[in-house]
Amino acid sequence: METPLIFLLALFVVAALYASVGHGGASGYLALMALFGLSTLTMKSSALTLNLFVSAISFYAYYRQGYFRFKILWPFILGSIPLAFVGARLHIDPTVYKVILGIFLAIAVARMVFQPKARTEAVTRFQFLPAIAIGAFLGLFSGMIGIGGGIILSPVLLLLGWANVKETAAVSAIFIFLNSTAGLAGLYTTGIHIDTEIVFWIGAALSGGLVGAHLGAAKLSFTGLRYLLAMVLLLASFKLIIPSFF
């Protein structure tokens, strides 16, 4: 497709919002692609590619400030990386894929609107075996639909009290990067499809990610824009799910 300017601007805004909280933005990119009618063949691989750039920027911003905790990350990726690879290799009927993605986008809306209480300190003891199991589930799910899994990992970490809000952002960012890499590797083994306009998309997402990561580290509030993005995700969710049943 010849990329419309409005699509590039939307990518910029989505990347900025997600990077500000340590996410790569795949759910937002997938929502935009669905709204603009992109083929399901390219949606997953394109979203994962954009994820790599934005999550890397976000991770660096939080890592530089000392928020990264490897001991929290490694049990999750121990379960997630191999299953993200496997999940990406699974063939899913386009109609089923749209329904699964639509449901996930609705979950992402709930995640944005109903945010767990931001903690300044971890409050409970970290548990390794549950973390591995959670990582495995998120990895398989992420590989199947083309996300990094951070938008689900973040509330889990906060709700269980395993990390504070800044540590959560740092862990989620690198978790997304590694799962996206594994997912792309899985897609490569089955025949990867990336839109020819991806270079322009990367430029828009990369620019947004740089801005968002910097402003997020400065603790600026994006409440209004977050609700606007939630509306976009919800609209995309309806667009994906409803036609599948008619």
Protein backbone atom coordinates (compact mmCIF):
# COMPACT_ATOMS: atom_id res chain seq x y z
CA MET A 1 0.00 0.00 0.00
CA GLU A 2 1.05 3.62 -0.52
CA THR A 3 1.24 4.91 3.03
CA PRO A 4 -1.16 7.79 3.81
CA LEU A 5 0.30 10.62 5.88
CA ILE A 6 -2.43 10.17 8.52
CA PHE A 7 -1.29 6.57 9.03
CA LEU A 8 2.31 7.69 9.64
CA LEU A 9 1.17 10.38 12.07
CA ALA A 10 -0.95 7.83 13.91
CA LEU A 11 2.03 5.47 14.12
CA PHE A 12 4.11 8.30 15.60
CA VAL A 13 1.51 9.01 18.31
CA VAL A 14 0.93 5.35 19.15
CA ALA A 15 4.67 4.66 19.42
CA ALA A 16 5.14 7.69 21.67
CA LEU A 17 2.35 6.66 24.03
CA TYR A 18 3.49 3.07 24.32
CA ALA A 19 7.20 3.88 24.67
CA SER A 20 6.40 6.28 27.52
CA VAL A 21 5.35 3.29 29.67
CA GLY A 22 7.91 0.75 28.43
CA HIS A 23 5.86 -0.91 25.68
CA GLY A 24 6.58 -1.57 22.03
CA GLY A 25 3.13 -0.68 20.72
CA ALA A 26 2.22 -3.76 18.69
CA SER A 27 -1.42 -3.77 19.82
CA GLY A 28 -1.73 -0.14 18.68
CA TYR A 29 -0.01 -0.83 15.36
CA LEU A 30 -2.25 -3.83 14.73
CA ALA A 31 -5.32 -1.73 15.49
CA LEU A 32 -4.22 0.91 12.98
CA MET A 33 -3.46 -1.72 10.34
CA ALA A 34 -6.90 -3.22 10.85
CA LEU A 35 -8.57 0.18 10.52
CA PHE A 36 -6.63 0.91 7.33
CA GLY A 37 -7.48 -2.50 5.87
CA LEU A 38 -4.02 -4.07 5.66
CA SER A 39 -3.70 -7.74 4.81
CA THR A 40 -3.49 -10.16 7.74
CA LEU A 41 -0.46 -11.69 5.98
CA THR A 42 1.62 -8.59 6.72
CA MET A 43 0.06 -7.35 9.96
CA LYS A 44 1.81 -9.72 12.35
CA SER A 45 5.32 -9.42 10.92
CA SER A 46 5.06 -5.65 10.45
CA ALA A 47 3.87 -5.07 14.02
CA LEU A 48 6.67 -7.23 15.44
CA THR A 49 9.23 -5.35 13.35
CA LEU A 50 8.04 -1.98 14.66
CA ASN A 51 8.03 -3.45 18.16
CA LEU A 52 11.75 -4.15 17.96
CA PHE A 53 12.69 -0.52 17.40
CA VAL A 54 10.29 1.10 19.86
CA SER A 55 10.80 -1.38 22.71
CA ALA A 56 14.60 -1.09 22.34
CA ILE A 57 14.40 2.69 22.68
CA SER A 58 12.08 2.44 25.65
CA PHE A 59 14.26 -0.13 27.40
CA TYR A 60 17.36 2.00 26.97
CA ALA A 61 15.61 5.03 28.48
CA TYR A 62 14.63 3.12 31.61
CA TYR A 63 17.84 1.06 31.80
CA ARG A 64 19.93 4.21 31.73
CA GLN A 65 18.15 5.41 34.85
CA GLY A 66 18.84 2.15 36.70
CA TYR A 67 15.35 0.64 36.74
CA PHE A 68 16.12 -2.68 35.03
CA ARG A 69 16.06 -5.84 37.22
CA PHE A 70 17.37 -8.93 35.42
CA LYS A 71 16.25 -11.24 38.24
CA ILE A 72 12.65 -10.31 37.43
CA LEU A 73 13.07 -10.71 33.68
CA TRP A 74 14.79 -14.06 33.23
CA PRO A 75 12.07 -16.45 34.51
CA PHE A 76 9.54 -14.81 32.20
CA ILE A 77 11.72 -15.06 29.09
CA LEU A 78 12.71 -18.62 29.98
CA GLY A 79 9.10 -19.57 29.33
CA SER A 80 8.20 -16.99 26.71
CA ILE A 81 10.97 -17.01 24.10
CA PRO A 82 10.64 -20.63 22.89
CA LEU A 83 6.85 -20.44 22.88
CA ALA A 84 6.82 -17.09 21.06
CA PHE A 85 8.83 -18.84 18.32
CA VAL A 86 6.37 -21.76 18.27
CA GLY A 87 3.32 -19.49 18.38
CA ALA A 88 4.52 -17.49 15.39
CA ARG A 89 4.86 -20.70 13.36
CA LEU A 90 1.26 -21.74 13.95
CA HIS A 91 -1.03 -21.22 10.98
CA ILE A 92 -4.22 -19.41 11.96
CA ASP A 93 -7.17 -18.93 9.62
CA PRO A 94 -7.48 -15.19 8.78
CA THR A 95 -11.05 -15.03 10.14
CA VAL A 96 -10.04 -16.71 13.40
CA TYR A 97 -7.00 -14.45 13.62
CA LYS A 98 -9.18 -11.35 13.33
CA VAL A 99 -11.46 -12.56 16.11
CA ILE A 100 -8.53 -13.39 18.42
CA LEU A 101 -6.90 -10.05 17.67
CA GLY A 102 -10.19 -8.21 18.20
CA ILE A 103 -10.63 -9.85 21.62
CA PHE A 104 -7.06 -8.99 22.55
CA LEU A 105 -7.55 -5.35 21.55
CA ALA A 106 -10.62 -5.22 23.82
CA ILE A 107 -8.40 -6.53 26.65
CA ALA A 108 -5.84 -3.86 25.81
CA VAL A 109 -8.57 -1.22 26.10
CA ALA A 110 -9.44 -2.50 29.58
CA ARG A 111 -5.75 -2.41 30.46
CA MET A 112 -5.53 1.25 29.45
CA VAL A 113 -8.74 2.43 31.09
CA PHE A 114 -8.46 0.46 34.33
CA GLN A 115 -4.84 0.80 35.36
CA PRO A 116 -3.43 -1.06 38.38
CA LYS A 117 -2.27 1.15 41.22
CA ALA A 118 1.23 2.45 40.48
CA ARG A 119 3.56 1.30 43.23
CA THR A 120 6.78 3.01 44.17
CA GLU A 121 8.17 -0.22 45.64
CA ALA A 122 7.66 -3.96 45.09
CA VAL A 123 5.48 -5.29 47.90
CA THR A 124 5.52 -9.09 47.62
CA ARG A 125 8.18 -11.76 47.19
CA PHE A 126 8.94 -12.63 43.56
CA GLN A 127 8.07 -16.26 42.65
CA PHE A 128 10.07 -17.93 39.87
CA LEU A 129 7.91 -20.90 38.87
CA PRO A 130 4.70 -18.88 38.41
CA ALA A 131 6.75 -16.32 36.45
CA ILE A 132 7.96 -19.04 34.06
CA ALA A 133 4.39 -20.30 33.55
CA ILE A 134 3.08 -16.76 32.95
CA GLY A 135 5.93 -16.13 30.51
CA ALA A 136 5.14 -19.32 28.59
CA PHE A 137 1.47 -18.35 28.22
CA LEU A 138 2.33 -14.81 27.12
CA GLY A 139 4.98 -16.07 24.69
CA LEU A 140 2.64 -18.45 22.89
CA PHE A 141 -0.16 -15.89 22.74
CA SER A 142 2.23 -13.14 21.59
CA GLY A 143 3.70 -15.24 18.80
CA MET A 144 0.25 -16.23 17.54
CA ILE A 145 -1.08 -12.69 17.06
CA GLY A 146 2.08 -10.62 16.59
CA ILE A 147 2.68 -8.71 19.82
CA GLY A 148 5.41 -8.65 22.46
CA GLY A 149 3.19 -9.40 25.45
CA GLY A 150 4.20 -6.40 27.54
CA ILE A 151 0.73 -4.91 27.69
CA ILE A 152 -0.34 -7.99 29.68
CA LEU A 153 2.92 -8.53 31.58
CA SER A 154 2.89 -4.98 33.00
CA PRO A 155 -0.40 -5.24 34.91
CA VAL A 156 0.57 -8.73 36.10
CA LEU A 157 3.79 -7.41 37.64
CA LEU A 158 1.97 -4.50 39.26
CA LEU A 159 -1.04 -6.46 40.50
CA LEU A 160 1.15 -9.18 42.03
CA GLY A 161 3.41 -6.55 43.57
CA TRP A 162 6.57 -8.03 42.05
CA ALA A 163 7.95 -4.72 40.74
CA ASN A 164 7.36 -1.00 41.03
CA VAL A 165 6.09 1.02 38.11
CA LYS A 166 9.51 2.00 36.72
CA GLU A 167 10.95 -1.50 37.10
CA THR A 168 7.85 -2.83 35.37
CA ALA A 169 8.41 -0.50 32.41
CA ALA A 170 12.04 -1.58 32.04
CA VAL A 171 11.29 -5.32 32.30
CA SER A 172 8.31 -5.07 29.95
CA ALA A 173 10.33 -3.24 27.31
CA ILE A 174 13.09 -5.85 27.04
CA PHE A 175 10.52 -8.67 27.38
CA ILE A 176 8.73 -7.24 24.34
CA PHE A 177 11.96 -6.89 22.38
CA LEU A 178 13.02 -10.50 23.01
CA ASN A 179 9.57 -11.96 22.30
CA SER A 180 9.26 -9.92 19.12
CA THR A 181 12.64 -11.22 17.98
CA ALA A 182 11.60 -14.81 18.68
CA GLY A 183 8.28 -14.27 16.91
CA LEU A 184 9.96 -12.86 13.82
CA ALA A 185 12.38 -15.80 13.81
CA GLY A 186 9.41 -18.17 13.88
CA LEU A 187 7.71 -16.32 11.03
CA TYR A 188 10.93 -16.40 9.01
CA THR A 189 10.95 -20.21 9.08
CA THR A 190 7.43 -20.32 7.59
CA GLY A 191 7.78 -17.51 5.04
CA ILE A 192 7.68 -13.99 6.38
CA HIS A 193 5.55 -11.25 4.78
CA ILE A 194 6.43 -7.59 5.47
CA ASP A 195 4.79 -4.61 3.77
CA THR A 196 7.03 -2.84 1.24
CA GLU A 197 6.35 0.49 2.99
CA ILE A 198 7.82 -0.74 6.28
CA VAL A 199 10.81 1.63 6.07
CA PHE A 200 8.50 4.65 6.34
CA TRP A 201 6.58 3.01 9.18
CA ILE A 202 9.81 2.36 11.07
CA GLY A 203 10.78 6.01 10.68
CA ALA A 204 7.47 7.19 12.13
CA ALA A 205 7.47 4.67 14.99
CA LEU A 206 11.14 5.27 15.78
CA SER A 207 10.57 9.03 16.02
CA GLY A 208 7.53 8.54 18.24
CA GLY A 209 9.39 6.05 20.41
CA LEU A 210 12.24 8.50 21.00
CA VAL A 211 9.84 11.24 22.04
CA GLY A 212 7.69 8.98 24.20
CA ALA A 213 10.59 7.31 26.02
CA HIS A 214 12.10 10.69 26.86
CA LEU A 215 8.82 12.20 28.07
CA GLY A 216 7.88 9.06 29.97
CA ALA A 217 11.17 9.17 31.84
CA ALA A 218 10.34 12.79 32.70
CA LYS A 219 7.10 11.52 34.31
CA LEU A 220 4.75 13.53 32.09
CA SER A 221 1.09 12.47 32.04
CA PHE A 222 -0.56 11.18 28.86
CA THR A 223 -3.98 10.49 30.40
CA GLY A 224 -6.06 12.25 27.73
CA LEU A 225 -4.17 10.69 24.83
CA ARG A 226 -4.33 7.28 26.49
CA TYR A 227 -8.14 7.39 26.51
CA LEU A 228 -8.14 8.52 22.88
CA LEU A 229 -5.93 5.56 21.97
CA ALA A 230 -8.27 3.26 23.91
CA MET A 231 -11.13 4.46 21.70
CA VAL A 232 -9.10 3.67 18.57
CA LEU A 233 -8.33 0.17 19.85
CA LEU A 234 -11.98 -0.41 20.70
CA LEU A 235 -13.08 0.72 17.23
CA ALA A 236 -10.53 -1.62 15.64
CA SER A 237 -11.74 -4.44 17.89
CA PHE A 238 -15.32 -4.01 16.68
CA LYS A 239 -14.15 -3.79 13.05
CA LEU A 240 -12.29 -7.09 13.40
CA ILE A 241 -14.83 -9.09 15.40
CA ILE A 242 -18.28 -8.07 14.12
CA PRO A 243 -17.83 -8.85 10.36
CA SER A 244 -16.47 -12.29 11.28
CA PHE A 245 -19.90 -13.36 12.55
CA PHE A 246 -21.91 -12.10 9.55
